[in-house]
Amino acid sequence: MELQTLTAFFMWCTIVNGSILIVWTLIFLLAPDLVYRSQQAWIPLPRESFNVIMYCFIGLFKLLFLVFNAVPYLALLLIG
């Protein structure tokens, strides 16, 4: 596979996953009650547990985003 193809692939992966992370974080910060009520219909959890779980998921997603999208993209930019 060519370097330009890999760079383009990781660029779009970074854009898409970064957008998901930003939207997810903004929704959780701006409308936490809406998110909690919508999830409460499926899985009943206390509010404190729900907040901890959501922050952990956002943190895990951010970590995976950095390790598997942003860092390879930056490395390919430096190589190219």
C-alpha atoms as a PDB file:
ATOM      1  CA  MET A   1       0.000   0.000   0.000  1.00  0.00           C
ATOM      2  CA  GLU A   2       1.267   3.444  -0.860  1.00  0.00           C
ATOM      3  CA  LEU A   3       2.187   6.029   1.733  1.00  0.00           C
ATOM      4  CA  GLN A   4      -0.293   8.555   0.307  1.00  0.00           C
ATOM      5  CA  THR A   5      -3.153   6.055   0.525  1.00  0.00           C
ATOM      6  CA  LEU A   6      -2.334   5.215   4.133  1.00  0.00           C
ATOM      7  CA  THR A   7      -2.033   8.892   5.020  1.00  0.00           C
ATOM      8  CA  ALA A   8      -5.412   9.649   3.436  1.00  0.00           C
ATOM      9  CA  PHE A   9      -6.988   6.680   5.224  1.00  0.00           C
ATOM     10  CA  PHE A  10      -5.721   7.751   8.638  1.00  0.00           C
ATOM     11  CA  MET A  11      -6.628  11.363   7.933  1.00  0.00           C
ATOM     12  CA  TRP A  12     -10.263  10.420   7.328  1.00  0.00           C
ATOM     13  CA  CYS A  13     -10.282   8.036  10.288  1.00  0.00           C
ATOM     14  CA  THR A  14      -9.000  10.861  12.474  1.00  0.00           C
ATOM     15  CA  ILE A  15     -11.596  13.300  11.149  1.00  0.00           C
ATOM     16  CA  VAL A  16     -14.526  10.899  11.548  1.00  0.00           C
ATOM     17  CA  ASN A  17     -13.565   9.574  14.967  1.00  0.00           C
ATOM     18  CA  GLY A  18     -12.572  13.033  16.219  1.00  0.00           C
ATOM     19  CA  SER A  19     -15.978  14.327  15.148  1.00  0.00           C
ATOM     20  CA  ILE A  20     -17.700  11.481  16.977  1.00  0.00           C
ATOM     21  CA  LEU A  21     -15.685  12.230  20.109  1.00  0.00           C
ATOM     22  CA  ILE A  22     -16.494  15.949  19.967  1.00  0.00           C
ATOM     23  CA  VAL A  23     -20.217  15.391  19.343  1.00  0.00           C
ATOM     24  CA  TRP A  24     -20.453  12.745  22.067  1.00  0.00           C
ATOM     25  CA  THR A  25     -18.683  14.990  24.577  1.00  0.00           C
ATOM     26  CA  LEU A  26     -20.779  18.036  23.679  1.00  0.00           C
ATOM     27  CA  ILE A  27     -24.039  16.117  23.942  1.00  0.00           C
ATOM     28  CA  PHE A  28     -23.042  14.736  27.311  1.00  0.00           C
ATOM     29  CA  LEU A  29     -21.916  18.156  28.570  1.00  0.00           C
ATOM     30  CA  LEU A  30     -24.814  20.205  27.185  1.00  0.00           C
ATOM     31  CA  ALA A  31     -27.721  17.781  27.666  1.00  0.00           C
ATOM     32  CA  PRO A  32     -26.791  15.286  30.394  1.00  0.00           C
ATOM     33  CA  ASP A  33     -30.390  14.880  31.576  1.00  0.00           C
ATOM     34  CA  LEU A  34     -31.569  13.979  28.082  1.00  0.00           C
ATOM     35  CA  VAL A  35     -28.839  11.366  27.719  1.00  0.00           C
ATOM     36  CA  TYR A  36     -29.569   9.943  31.165  1.00  0.00           C
ATOM     37  CA  ARG A  37     -33.329   9.724  30.565  1.00  0.00           C
ATOM     38  CA  SER A  38     -32.905   8.103  27.153  1.00  0.00           C
ATOM     39  CA  GLN A  39     -30.566   5.443  28.548  1.00  0.00           C
ATOM     40  CA  GLN A  40     -32.647   4.931  31.677  1.00  0.00           C
ATOM     41  CA  ALA A  41     -35.355   3.307  29.540  1.00  0.00           C
ATOM     42  CA  TRP A  42     -33.007   0.423  28.669  1.00  0.00           C
ATOM     43  CA  ILE A  43     -30.681   0.116  31.646  1.00  0.00           C
ATOM     44  CA  PRO A  44     -31.791   1.474  35.006  1.00  0.00           C
ATOM     45  CA  LEU A  45     -28.750   2.921  36.800  1.00  0.00           C
ATOM     46  CA  PRO A  46     -28.305   5.488  39.543  1.00  0.00           C
ATOM     47  CA  ARG A  47     -27.286   8.892  38.181  1.00  0.00           C
ATOM     48  CA  GLU A  48     -23.848   8.823  39.831  1.00  0.00           C
ATOM     49  CA  SER A  49     -23.003   5.432  38.311  1.00  0.00           C
ATOM     50  CA  PHE A  50     -24.211   6.588  34.917  1.00  0.00           C
ATOM     51  CA  ASN A  51     -21.981   9.681  35.047  1.00  0.00           C
ATOM     52  CA  VAL A  52     -18.930   7.610  35.997  1.00  0.00           C
ATOM     53  CA  ILE A  53     -19.611   5.101  33.232  1.00  0.00           C
ATOM     54  CA  MET A  54     -20.081   7.829  30.619  1.00  0.00           C
ATOM     55  CA  TYR A  55     -16.883   9.643  31.627  1.00  0.00           C
ATOM     56  CA  CYS A  56     -14.983   6.346  31.522  1.00  0.00           C
ATOM     57  CA  PHE A  57     -16.333   5.538  28.052  1.00  0.00           C
ATOM     58  CA  ILE A  58     -15.462   9.010  26.759  1.00  0.00           C
ATOM     59  CA  GLY A  59     -11.976   8.706  28.252  1.00  0.00           C
ATOM     60  CA  LEU A  60     -11.471   5.244  26.755  1.00  0.00           C
ATOM     61  CA  PHE A  61     -12.690   6.417  23.357  1.00  0.00           C
ATOM     62  CA  LYS A  62     -10.344   9.420  23.525  1.00  0.00           C
ATOM     63  CA  LEU A  63      -7.411   7.184  24.409  1.00  0.00           C
ATOM     64  CA  LEU A  64      -8.191   4.745  21.582  1.00  0.00           C
ATOM     65  CA  PHE A  65      -8.712   7.664  19.193  1.00  0.00           C
ATOM     66  CA  LEU A  66      -5.291   9.091  20.002  1.00  0.00           C
ATOM     67  CA  VAL A  67      -3.443   5.772  19.883  1.00  0.00           C
ATOM     68  CA  PHE A  68      -5.062   4.271  16.787  1.00  0.00           C
ATOM     69  CA  ASN A  69      -5.961   7.334  14.691  1.00  0.00           C
ATOM     70  CA  ALA A  70      -4.140  10.545  15.546  1.00  0.00           C
ATOM     71  CA  VAL A  71      -0.672   9.159  16.304  1.00  0.00           C
ATOM     72  CA  PRO A  72      -0.440   6.961  13.156  1.00  0.00           C
ATOM     73  CA  TYR A  73      -1.656   9.885  11.064  1.00  0.00           C
ATOM     74  CA  LEU A  74       0.952  12.219  12.537  1.00  0.00           C
ATOM     75  CA  ALA A  75       3.653   9.583  12.084  1.00  0.00           C
ATOM     76  CA  LEU A  76       2.719   9.168   8.435  1.00  0.00           C
ATOM     77  CA  LEU A  77       2.806  12.929   7.969  1.00  0.00           C
ATOM     78  CA  LEU A  78       6.312  13.043   9.458  1.00  0.00           C
ATOM     79  CA  ILE A  79       7.502  10.158   7.263  1.00  0.00           C
ATOM     80  CA  GLY A  80       6.028  11.681   4.118  1.00  0.00           C
END
